[in-house]
Amino acid sequence: MTTPPDRPDTPADTEPADRPEPRPRWVVAVAAVAITLLVIFVVLHLAGVNIGGHR
């Protein structure tokens, strides 16, 4: 199938501008660990657990 004549070349047809390539696996792993730790910290903080040792 060819492109319609009213849109001869859109960024999606020539090159993906917003998603150039998939992320490496280690970037996904680091982000997942960081988000998990942040969620655990927030949940414990809201539950009233003294995490940092400060009063």
C-alpha atoms as a PDB file:
ATOM      1  CA  MET A   1       0.000   0.000   0.000  1.00  0.00           C
ATOM      2  CA  THR A   2       1.212   3.482  -0.781  1.00  0.00           C
ATOM      3  CA  THR A   3       0.854   6.611   1.294  1.00  0.00           C
ATOM      4  CA  PRO A   4      -2.192   8.807   0.641  1.00  0.00           C
ATOM      5  CA  PRO A   5      -1.471  11.809  -1.599  1.00  0.00           C
ATOM      6  CA  ASP A   6      -2.700  14.320   1.000  1.00  0.00           C
ATOM      7  CA  ARG A   7       0.067  13.259   3.425  1.00  0.00           C
ATOM      8  CA  PRO A   8       3.102  12.476   1.272  1.00  0.00           C
ATOM      9  CA  ASP A   9       5.639  12.129   4.074  1.00  0.00           C
ATOM     10  CA  THR A  10       4.766  12.224   7.731  1.00  0.00           C
ATOM     11  CA  PRO A  11       7.314  11.642  10.517  1.00  0.00           C
ATOM     12  CA  ALA A  12       5.790   8.203  11.125  1.00  0.00           C
ATOM     13  CA  ASP A  13       6.504   7.201   7.527  1.00  0.00           C
ATOM     14  CA  THR A  14      10.076   8.483   7.276  1.00  0.00           C
ATOM     15  CA  GLU A  15      11.464   7.894  10.786  1.00  0.00           C
ATOM     16  CA  PRO A  16      10.042   7.449  14.287  1.00  0.00           C
ATOM     17  CA  ALA A  17      10.814  10.759  15.966  1.00  0.00           C
ATOM     18  CA  ASP A  18       9.456  10.090  19.442  1.00  0.00           C
ATOM     19  CA  ARG A  19      10.607   6.427  19.748  1.00  0.00           C
ATOM     20  CA  PRO A  20      14.009   6.073  18.087  1.00  0.00           C
ATOM     21  CA  GLU A  21      14.871   2.669  19.569  1.00  0.00           C
ATOM     22  CA  PRO A  22      13.850   0.458  22.501  1.00  0.00           C
ATOM     23  CA  ARG A  23      15.618   1.039  25.798  1.00  0.00           C
ATOM     24  CA  PRO A  24      18.393  -1.300  26.912  1.00  0.00           C
ATOM     25  CA  ARG A  25      17.378  -3.950  29.432  1.00  0.00           C
ATOM     26  CA  TRP A  26      19.555  -2.521  32.232  1.00  0.00           C
ATOM     27  CA  VAL A  27      17.825   0.859  31.968  1.00  0.00           C
ATOM     28  CA  VAL A  28      14.454  -0.828  32.409  1.00  0.00           C
ATOM     29  CA  ALA A  29      15.777  -2.852  35.357  1.00  0.00           C
ATOM     30  CA  VAL A  30      17.245   0.189  37.126  1.00  0.00           C
ATOM     31  CA  ALA A  31      14.043   2.161  36.607  1.00  0.00           C
ATOM     32  CA  ALA A  32      11.936  -0.711  37.932  1.00  0.00           C
ATOM     33  CA  VAL A  33      14.078  -1.054  41.059  1.00  0.00           C
ATOM     34  CA  ALA A  34      14.012   2.699  41.679  1.00  0.00           C
ATOM     35  CA  ILE A  35      10.232   2.900  41.298  1.00  0.00           C
ATOM     36  CA  THR A  36       9.759  -0.143  43.535  1.00  0.00           C
ATOM     37  CA  LEU A  37      11.928   1.314  46.292  1.00  0.00           C
ATOM     38  CA  LEU A  38      10.151   4.660  46.012  1.00  0.00           C
ATOM     39  CA  VAL A  39       6.740   3.010  46.335  1.00  0.00           C
ATOM     40  CA  ILE A  40       7.889   0.983  49.359  1.00  0.00           C
ATOM     41  CA  PHE A  41       9.327   4.111  50.985  1.00  0.00           C
ATOM     42  CA  VAL A  42       6.118   6.086  50.437  1.00  0.00           C
ATOM     43  CA  VAL A  43       3.891   3.270  51.721  1.00  0.00           C
ATOM     44  CA  LEU A  44       5.987   2.809  54.875  1.00  0.00           C
ATOM     45  CA  HIS A  45       6.107   6.568  55.414  1.00  0.00           C
ATOM     46  CA  LEU A  46       2.342   6.831  55.145  1.00  0.00           C
ATOM     47  CA  ALA A  47       1.980   3.875  57.514  1.00  0.00           C
ATOM     48  CA  GLY A  48       3.935   5.782  60.151  1.00  0.00           C
ATOM     49  CA  VAL A  49       7.155   3.746  60.113  1.00  0.00           C
ATOM     50  CA  ASN A  50      10.195   5.799  61.118  1.00  0.00           C
ATOM     51  CA  ILE A  51      12.548   5.105  58.200  1.00  0.00           C
ATOM     52  CA  GLY A  52      15.322   7.664  58.537  1.00  0.00           C
ATOM     53  CA  GLY A  53      15.687   7.467  62.302  1.00  0.00           C
ATOM     54  CA  HIS A  54      14.730  11.120  62.770  1.00  0.00           C
ATOM     55  CA  ARG A  55      12.026  12.285  65.120  1.00  0.00           C
END
